[in-house]
Amino acid sequence: MLIKMLMSIRYTALRSGDSNTPLQSKLNDLAELIAKLGSAAGLILFIALLIRFFVQLGTGNPARTANEKGLAFVQILIISVTLIVVAVPEGLPLAVTLALAFATKRMTAENLLVRVLGSCETMANASVVCTDKTGTLTQNVMTVVAGSVGIRAKFVRILSENQERTNAGEEPSIKETPEQQENRRKHPDDFSLDQTELDGVLSPALRRCFNEAICINSTAFEDVDADFEQVRKKGEEPKKIFVGSKTETALLRFAKENGWEDYAKVREEADTLQMVPFSSERKAMGVVIRKKDGTARLYLKGASEILTKKCTRHVVVSRPDEEVSKEEEEVETKEIDEHAKDNISRTIIFYANQTLRTIALCYRDLGQWPPEGVDDADEVSRAGKHLPCRIALM
């Protein structure tokens, strides 16, 4: 009974969750083995002492009174039980618990909250950690932090604090590999600028095209922040936030921060002809609008590595020291050659290596909608292979 009680205490002390950690399991096995060996040794000692007691009792040597005989038998029991108690390692679970508690304290100093002591020992043996990203490792909020307009202009959100976000080839860094330095030399016309300077290099037509690609080809919208409303003071203006896909809300915030025309007004004025919903096959979504001259324009948004391969032209952006025409009615574009393809590819890889999600915005002007050769406009939205090619990359 004593052994069972001690074993029960040992199991309870070691248990810190639904299952034991590898170290706890090994210590359980070791403690159980020691307890069995101690119990066996105590039983053997008890039998040996009991035999000697009966032999002495039968021979009468040494001579003992009835009380002395009773005390001798009790002493045999005490010695045997003491051996069993000493053999059970009740201090082993305590040592493990103290070690885990000390590890938990050190992790707390690193802003890591440990709810189960056994987690410390379990994580020490982990070689790969799989976790949900959105809302766990991140704040579940996306923001446009860097981008490339055309192939030359590399803009960065707060450039002075985030120089590593641009791969424009002003000066190769000594920290870069020879291959990266060579890539910079291959594209000397690239330039960096702060996001706040973006308006200064975009023509009115390109700015309008950029804004329409963001505002019209989106299902996100602006609404009052419900959490803010609960704590809003009297007379305080309601706080508005964009609601919808995290990618689309990030793009709408980007347009709003740049002071471009309000998304609601752009959508209201747009003559939408066709919506092309997102498809996992084509990795893109799109919208077709009617331009003022009666022709159609298709805006696409999706996976950069997919859409850039469909593009044959890219928009042209002036350097900050070059004069930007204020009277352009059409967006200036240029054919994508092998040199430009290499620039696009290295830019996508550069952003992806910084764990950034890369999104491509493209457009194509069409003489009519549905496109020539396609009888049913709905067929375009059902089959990704029917999306028109020769698209211009923004």
Protein backbone atom coordinates (compact mmCIF):
# COMPACT_ATOMS: atom_id res chain seq x y z
CA MET A 1 0.00 0.00 0.00
CA LEU A 2 2.85 2.38 0.86
CA ILE A 3 4.58 1.68 -2.46
CA LYS A 4 1.38 2.32 -4.44
CA MET A 5 0.81 5.59 -2.59
CA LEU A 6 4.36 6.80 -3.26
CA MET A 7 4.15 5.80 -6.92
CA SER A 8 0.86 7.69 -7.23
CA ILE A 9 2.46 10.81 -5.75
CA ARG A 10 5.39 10.47 -8.16
CA TYR A 11 3.11 10.23 -11.21
CA THR A 12 1.05 13.21 -10.05
CA ALA A 13 4.13 15.37 -9.45
CA LEU A 14 5.54 14.63 -12.88
CA ARG A 15 2.31 15.12 -14.78
CA SER A 16 2.12 18.59 -16.32
CA GLY A 17 -0.28 17.98 -19.17
CA ASP A 18 -2.25 15.29 -20.94
CA SER A 19 0.94 13.35 -21.70
CA ASN A 20 4.46 13.16 -20.33
CA THR A 21 7.47 14.67 -22.06
CA PRO A 22 10.28 12.35 -23.22
CA LEU A 23 12.42 13.21 -20.16
CA GLN A 24 9.52 12.63 -17.79
CA SER A 25 8.76 9.28 -19.43
CA LYS A 26 12.37 8.16 -19.03
CA LEU A 27 12.45 9.32 -15.42
CA ASN A 28 9.19 7.49 -14.76
CA ASP A 29 10.70 4.29 -16.12
CA LEU A 30 13.88 4.80 -14.10
CA ALA A 31 11.99 5.57 -10.90
CA GLU A 32 9.75 2.56 -11.41
CA LEU A 33 12.78 0.31 -11.91
CA ILE A 34 14.47 1.68 -8.79
CA ALA A 35 11.25 1.25 -6.80
CA LYS A 36 10.92 -2.37 -7.93
CA LEU A 37 14.55 -3.12 -7.09
CA GLY A 38 14.20 -1.41 -3.71
CA SER A 39 11.00 -3.31 -2.99
CA ALA A 40 12.66 -6.58 -3.94
CA ALA A 41 15.68 -5.77 -1.76
CA GLY A 42 13.41 -4.82 1.15
CA LEU A 43 11.42 -8.04 0.75
CA ILE A 44 14.62 -10.15 0.65
CA LEU A 45 15.98 -8.37 3.73
CA PHE A 46 12.67 -8.85 5.53
CA ILE A 47 12.67 -12.60 4.75
CA ALA A 48 16.32 -12.97 5.82
CA LEU A 49 15.79 -11.13 9.09
CA LEU A 50 12.56 -13.02 9.72
CA ILE A 51 14.33 -16.38 9.22
CA ARG A 52 17.08 -15.30 11.62
CA PHE A 53 14.40 -14.19 14.10
CA PHE A 54 12.65 -17.57 14.03
CA VAL A 55 15.97 -19.44 14.32
CA GLN A 56 16.89 -17.37 17.38
CA LEU A 57 13.40 -17.89 18.74
CA GLY A 58 13.72 -21.69 18.35
CA THR A 59 17.19 -21.98 19.85
CA GLY A 60 16.50 -19.51 22.64
CA ASN A 61 19.82 -17.77 21.92
CA PRO A 62 19.94 -15.00 22.90
CA ALA A 63 17.47 -15.29 25.75
CA ARG A 64 14.66 -12.69 25.41
CA THR A 65 11.54 -11.83 27.25
CA ALA A 66 8.18 -11.65 25.45
CA ASN A 67 8.43 -7.85 25.17
CA GLU A 68 11.97 -8.05 23.72
CA LYS A 69 10.81 -10.62 21.15
CA GLY A 70 7.95 -8.31 20.09
CA LEU A 71 10.30 -5.30 19.79
CA ALA A 72 12.76 -7.39 17.73
CA PHE A 73 9.99 -8.31 15.25
CA VAL A 74 8.83 -4.67 14.97
CA GLN A 75 12.44 -3.59 14.37
CA ILE A 76 12.65 -6.06 11.48
CA LEU A 77 9.53 -4.48 9.91
CA ILE A 78 10.90 -0.95 10.41
CA ILE A 79 14.23 -1.82 8.76
CA SER A 80 12.51 -3.43 5.74
CA VAL A 81 10.01 -0.60 5.25
CA THR A 82 12.79 2.00 5.65
CA LEU A 83 14.79 0.34 2.88
CA ILE A 84 11.75 0.42 0.58
CA VAL A 85 11.02 4.08 1.36
CA VAL A 86 14.64 5.08 0.77
CA ALA A 87 14.72 3.19 -2.53
CA VAL A 88 11.73 5.12 -3.97
CA PRO A 89 13.22 8.31 -5.59
CA GLU A 90 10.57 10.79 -4.50
CA GLY A 91 13.07 13.63 -4.94
CA LEU A 92 13.49 12.92 -8.66
CA PRO A 93 10.18 14.51 -9.77
CA LEU A 94 10.90 17.52 -7.56
CA ALA A 95 14.29 18.05 -9.24
CA VAL A 96 12.69 17.93 -12.70
CA THR A 97 9.91 20.32 -11.68
CA LEU A 98 12.43 22.80 -10.25
CA ALA A 99 14.53 22.63 -13.41
CA LEU A 100 11.48 23.25 -15.62
CA ALA A 101 10.33 26.09 -13.36
CA PHE A 102 13.74 27.74 -13.70
CA ALA A 103 13.58 27.34 -17.50
CA THR A 104 10.10 28.87 -17.51
CA LYS A 105 11.37 31.88 -15.59
CA ARG A 106 14.16 32.41 -18.12
CA MET A 107 11.67 32.16 -21.01
CA THR A 108 9.40 34.70 -19.31
CA ALA A 109 12.31 37.14 -19.34
CA GLU A 110 12.32 36.69 -23.14
CA ASN A 111 8.60 37.59 -23.28
CA LEU A 112 7.59 33.96 -23.80
CA LEU A 113 4.60 32.79 -21.76
CA VAL A 114 4.73 29.10 -20.78
CA ARG A 115 1.47 27.71 -19.44
CA VAL A 116 2.63 24.08 -19.11
CA LEU A 117 5.98 23.35 -17.50
CA GLY A 118 6.59 20.37 -19.74
CA SER A 119 6.57 22.64 -22.79
CA CYS A 120 10.09 23.84 -21.96
CA GLU A 121 11.55 20.35 -22.19
CA THR A 122 9.43 19.51 -25.24
CA MET A 123 10.57 22.61 -27.15
CA ALA A 124 14.20 21.84 -26.32
CA ASN A 125 13.86 18.65 -28.37
CA ALA A 126 12.00 20.30 -31.27
CA SER A 127 13.82 20.63 -34.58
CA VAL A 128 10.90 21.97 -36.65
CA VAL A 129 8.09 24.24 -35.43
CA CYS A 130 4.87 24.49 -37.47
CA THR A 131 2.56 27.33 -36.50
CA ASP A 132 -0.25 29.41 -37.89
CA LYS A 133 1.16 32.67 -39.29
CA THR A 134 -1.77 35.05 -39.55
CA GLY A 135 -2.63 36.57 -36.20
CA THR A 136 -0.01 34.44 -34.42
CA LEU A 137 3.35 35.46 -35.80
CA THR A 138 1.85 38.51 -37.46
CA GLN A 139 -0.78 41.12 -36.55
CA ASN A 140 -3.15 39.97 -39.32
CA VAL A 141 -2.67 43.38 -40.98
CA MET A 142 -1.02 43.86 -44.37
CA THR A 143 0.71 47.05 -45.52
CA VAL A 144 2.36 48.03 -48.77
CA VAL A 145 6.01 48.49 -47.74
CA ALA A 146 7.80 48.39 -51.11
CA GLY A 147 7.11 48.07 -54.80
CA SER A 148 8.25 48.64 -58.35
CA VAL A 149 6.37 50.80 -60.84
CA GLY A 150 7.33 49.59 -64.27
CA ILE A 151 10.81 48.15 -63.96
CA ARG A 152 12.87 51.19 -62.94
CA ALA A 153 11.15 52.97 -60.05
CA LYS A 154 11.59 51.12 -56.75
CA PHE A 155 9.58 52.87 -54.05
CA VAL A 156 9.84 52.11 -50.33
CA ARG A 157 7.69 53.08 -47.39
CA ILE A 158 9.93 55.39 -45.29
CA LEU A 159 13.01 54.85 -47.43
CA SER A 160 15.37 56.47 -44.92
CA GLU A 161 14.65 53.69 -42.41
CA ASN A 162 14.27 50.80 -44.86
CA GLN A 163 17.12 51.00 -47.35
CA GLU A 164 17.27 47.20 -47.42
CA ARG A 165 13.82 47.11 -49.06
CA THR A 166 15.12 48.36 -52.41
CA ASN A 167 17.24 46.54 -54.97
CA ALA A 168 17.87 49.60 -57.14
CA GLY A 169 21.41 49.70 -58.44
CA GLU A 170 22.90 52.93 -57.14
CA GLU A 171 25.89 51.42 -55.34
CA PRO A 172 26.62 47.72 -54.72
CA SER A 173 26.94 46.91 -51.02
CA ILE A 174 30.03 45.17 -49.67
CA LYS A 175 27.67 42.80 -47.84
CA GLU A 176 26.18 41.55 -51.10
CA THR A 177 27.32 38.44 -52.89
CA PRO A 178 29.18 38.83 -56.21
CA GLU A 179 26.04 37.64 -58.00
CA GLN A 180 23.90 40.34 -56.32
CA GLN A 181 26.49 43.01 -57.15
CA GLU A 182 26.50 41.86 -60.77
CA ASN A 183 22.68 42.10 -60.88
CA ARG A 184 22.90 45.70 -59.73
CA ARG A 185 25.43 46.53 -62.46
CA LYS A 186 23.16 44.95 -65.08
CA HIS A 187 20.36 47.41 -64.21
CA PRO A 188 22.01 50.79 -63.58
CA ASP A 189 18.88 52.73 -64.63
CA ASP A 190 16.89 51.56 -61.59
CA PHE A 191 16.35 54.18 -58.90
CA SER A 192 14.90 54.31 -55.40
CA LEU A 193 12.42 56.79 -54.00
CA ASP A 194 10.29 57.23 -50.93
CA GLN A 195 6.60 56.36 -51.22
CA THR A 196 5.75 60.02 -50.59
CA GLU A 197 7.73 60.95 -53.72
CA LEU A 198 5.79 58.57 -55.96
CA ASP A 199 3.39 61.21 -57.26
CA GLY A 200 6.33 63.25 -58.54
CA VAL A 201 7.39 60.58 -61.06
CA LEU A 202 3.95 59.39 -62.21
CA SER A 203 2.19 61.04 -65.11
CA PRO A 204 -1.51 61.91 -64.56
CA ALA A 205 -2.57 59.09 -66.89
CA LEU A 206 -0.41 56.52 -65.09
CA ARG A 207 -1.56 57.72 -61.66
CA ARG A 208 -5.19 57.42 -62.73
CA CYS A 209 -4.54 53.98 -64.21
CA PHE A 210 -2.74 52.85 -61.04
CA ASN A 211 -5.56 54.11 -58.82
CA GLU A 212 -8.28 52.47 -60.94
CA ALA A 213 -6.42 49.16 -60.90
CA ILE A 214 -6.49 49.28 -57.09
CA CYS A 215 -9.97 50.71 -56.46
CA ILE A 216 -12.14 49.09 -59.13
CA ASN A 217 -10.54 45.64 -59.14
CA SER A 218 -11.39 45.11 -55.47
CA THR A 219 -14.28 44.04 -53.27
CA ALA A 220 -12.99 45.74 -50.08
CA PHE A 221 -14.77 48.79 -48.70
CA GLU A 222 -14.42 51.41 -45.99
CA ASP A 223 -16.55 51.24 -42.83
CA VAL A 224 -16.62 52.53 -39.27
CA ASP A 225 -14.37 50.63 -36.85
CA ALA A 226 -16.77 48.86 -34.47
CA ASP A 227 -14.13 48.52 -31.72
CA PHE A 228 -13.37 52.24 -31.87
CA GLU A 229 -17.08 53.09 -31.69
CA GLN A 230 -17.37 51.37 -28.31
CA VAL A 231 -14.76 53.65 -26.72
CA ARG A 232 -15.34 56.77 -28.81
CA LYS A 233 -15.78 59.93 -26.79
CA LYS A 234 -18.63 62.35 -27.41
CA GLY A 235 -17.89 64.68 -30.30
CA GLU A 236 -14.98 62.57 -31.54
CA GLU A 237 -14.99 61.71 -35.22
CA PRO A 238 -15.67 58.03 -35.99
CA LYS A 239 -12.64 56.04 -37.09
CA LYS A 240 -12.94 54.35 -40.48
CA ILE A 241 -11.10 51.26 -41.61
CA PHE A 242 -11.04 49.20 -44.78
CA VAL A 243 -12.87 45.87 -44.55
CA GLY A 244 -12.24 42.87 -46.79
CA SER A 245 -9.31 40.87 -48.09
CA LYS A 246 -6.08 41.84 -46.33
CA THR A 247 -4.32 42.31 -49.66
CA GLU A 248 -7.06 44.56 -51.05
CA THR A 249 -7.37 46.63 -47.87
CA ALA A 250 -3.58 47.17 -47.90
CA LEU A 251 -3.74 48.44 -51.49
CA LEU A 252 -6.67 50.75 -50.73
CA ARG A 253 -4.80 52.19 -47.73
CA PHE A 254 -1.78 52.67 -50.00
CA ALA A 255 -3.86 54.71 -52.48
CA LYS A 256 -5.44 56.73 -49.68
CA GLU A 257 -2.05 57.52 -48.10
CA ASN A 258 -0.83 58.81 -51.46
CA GLY A 259 -3.77 61.20 -51.63
CA TRP A 260 -5.23 59.67 -54.77
CA GLU A 261 -8.88 60.01 -55.71
CA ASP A 262 -11.29 58.40 -53.25
CA TYR A 263 -12.02 54.75 -54.03
CA ALA A 264 -15.79 55.18 -53.71
CA LYS A 265 -15.85 57.98 -56.29
CA VAL A 266 -13.63 55.98 -58.67
CA ARG A 267 -15.95 52.97 -58.44
CA GLU A 268 -19.06 55.08 -58.87
CA GLU A 269 -17.75 56.74 -62.02
CA ALA A 270 -16.44 53.50 -63.54
CA ASP A 271 -18.56 51.82 -66.22
CA THR A 272 -17.93 48.19 -65.27
CA LEU A 273 -18.53 45.67 -68.08
CA GLN A 274 -17.28 42.42 -66.58
CA MET A 275 -15.94 41.04 -63.32
CA VAL A 276 -13.40 38.23 -63.54
CA PRO A 277 -13.41 36.50 -60.12
CA PHE A 278 -10.27 35.03 -58.61
CA SER A 279 -9.41 31.55 -59.77
CA SER A 280 -6.79 29.19 -58.36
CA GLU A 281 -6.10 28.12 -61.95
CA ARG A 282 -5.05 31.54 -63.22
CA LYS A 283 -3.99 32.95 -59.81
CA ALA A 284 -5.56 36.30 -60.63
CA MET A 285 -8.75 38.35 -60.60
CA GLY A 286 -9.82 41.11 -62.94
CA VAL A 287 -12.35 43.71 -63.99
CA VAL A 288 -13.23 45.20 -67.35
CA ILE A 289 -14.35 48.83 -67.63
CA ARG A 290 -15.44 51.02 -70.53
CA LYS A 291 -13.17 53.98 -71.17
CA LYS A 292 -14.44 57.41 -72.16
CA ASP A 293 -13.56 56.80 -75.79
CA GLY A 294 -15.80 53.72 -75.89
CA THR A 295 -13.00 51.12 -75.82
CA ALA A 296 -12.49 48.64 -72.97
CA ARG A 297 -9.71 48.22 -70.45
CA LEU A 298 -8.95 45.06 -68.49
CA TYR A 299 -7.32 45.38 -65.05
CA LEU A 300 -5.70 42.29 -63.53
CA LYS A 301 -4.33 41.64 -60.05
CA GLY A 302 -2.67 38.43 -58.92
CA ALA A 303 0.43 36.33 -58.51
CA SER A 304 3.39 38.30 -59.82
CA GLU A 305 5.28 35.27 -61.13
CA ILE A 306 2.22 34.29 -63.23
CA LEU A 307 1.02 37.65 -64.53
CA THR A 308 4.45 39.03 -65.42
CA LYS A 309 4.93 36.13 -67.84
CA LYS A 310 1.77 37.24 -69.68
CA CYS A 311 3.00 40.82 -70.03
CA THR A 312 4.71 42.07 -73.18
CA ARG A 313 5.05 45.74 -72.18
CA HIS A 314 5.75 47.75 -69.04
CA VAL A 315 4.87 51.30 -68.06
CA VAL A 316 7.56 53.96 -68.29
CA VAL A 317 8.35 56.04 -65.21
CA SER A 318 10.52 59.17 -65.17
CA ARG A 319 13.34 59.68 -62.71
CA PRO A 320 12.78 62.32 -59.99
CA ASP A 321 15.17 64.71 -61.79
CA GLU A 322 13.34 64.29 -65.11
CA GLU A 323 10.36 66.40 -66.13
CA VAL A 324 7.03 64.61 -66.04
CA SER A 325 4.49 65.55 -68.70
CA LYS A 326 1.27 66.85 -67.16
CA GLU A 327 -0.75 66.60 -70.36
CA GLU A 328 -0.40 62.92 -71.24
CA GLU A 329 -3.72 61.28 -72.07
CA GLU A 330 -2.31 57.79 -72.54
CA VAL A 331 0.03 55.75 -70.39
CA GLU A 332 3.49 55.49 -71.92
CA THR A 333 4.67 51.89 -72.22
CA LYS A 334 7.71 50.08 -73.53
CA GLU A 335 8.27 46.56 -74.81
CA ILE A 336 9.61 44.02 -72.31
CA ASP A 337 12.89 42.65 -73.65
CA GLU A 338 15.21 40.06 -72.12
CA HIS A 339 16.94 42.73 -70.05
CA ALA A 340 13.60 43.86 -68.63
CA LYS A 341 12.51 40.25 -67.95
CA ASP A 342 15.66 39.73 -65.90
CA ASN A 343 14.95 42.90 -63.93
CA ILE A 344 11.36 41.82 -63.21
CA SER A 345 12.45 38.34 -62.14
CA ARG A 346 15.18 39.55 -59.79
CA THR A 347 12.81 42.10 -58.23
CA ILE A 348 10.19 39.43 -57.46
CA ILE A 349 12.84 37.16 -55.94
CA PHE A 350 14.31 40.08 -53.96
CA TYR A 351 10.94 40.88 -52.35
CA ALA A 352 10.09 37.21 -51.77
CA ASN A 353 13.40 36.66 -49.97
CA GLN A 354 12.31 39.34 -47.50
CA THR A 355 9.14 37.30 -46.76
CA LEU A 356 7.01 39.88 -48.60
CA ARG A 357 3.92 38.89 -50.54
CA THR A 358 4.38 40.00 -54.12
CA ILE A 359 1.34 41.16 -56.10
CA ALA A 360 1.31 42.28 -59.75
CA LEU A 361 -1.07 44.91 -61.14
CA CYS A 362 -1.49 44.80 -64.92
CA TYR A 363 -3.81 46.18 -67.55
CA ARG A 364 -4.63 45.86 -71.23
CA ASP A 365 -6.57 48.17 -73.51
CA LEU A 366 -9.04 46.38 -75.78
CA GLY A 367 -10.93 47.65 -78.76
CA GLN A 368 -14.08 45.83 -77.69
CA TRP A 369 -15.53 43.58 -75.04
CA PRO A 370 -15.86 40.60 -75.26
CA PRO A 371 -12.46 40.33 -76.99
CA GLU A 372 -12.33 39.39 -80.63
CA GLY A 373 -12.66 35.63 -80.99
CA VAL A 374 -14.66 35.17 -77.77
CA ASP A 375 -18.42 35.11 -78.24
CA ASP A 376 -19.49 34.98 -74.61
CA ALA A 377 -18.00 37.37 -72.04
CA ASP A 378 -18.85 34.90 -69.25
CA GLU A 379 -16.51 32.42 -70.93
CA VAL A 380 -13.61 34.73 -70.09
CA SER A 381 -14.38 34.63 -66.37
CA ARG A 382 -14.77 30.84 -66.38
CA ALA A 383 -11.57 29.94 -68.21
CA GLY A 384 -8.23 31.45 -67.29
CA LYS A 385 -6.70 30.43 -70.63
CA HIS A 386 -9.02 32.88 -72.41
CA LEU A 387 -7.63 35.93 -70.58
CA PRO A 388 -6.14 38.28 -73.18
CA CYS A 389 -2.34 38.39 -73.32
CA ARG A 390 -0.02 41.25 -74.34
CA ILE A 391 -0.73 42.94 -71.01
CA ALA A 392 1.15 45.99 -69.73
CA LEU A 393 2.81 45.67 -66.31
CA MET A 394 2.43 48.50 -63.81
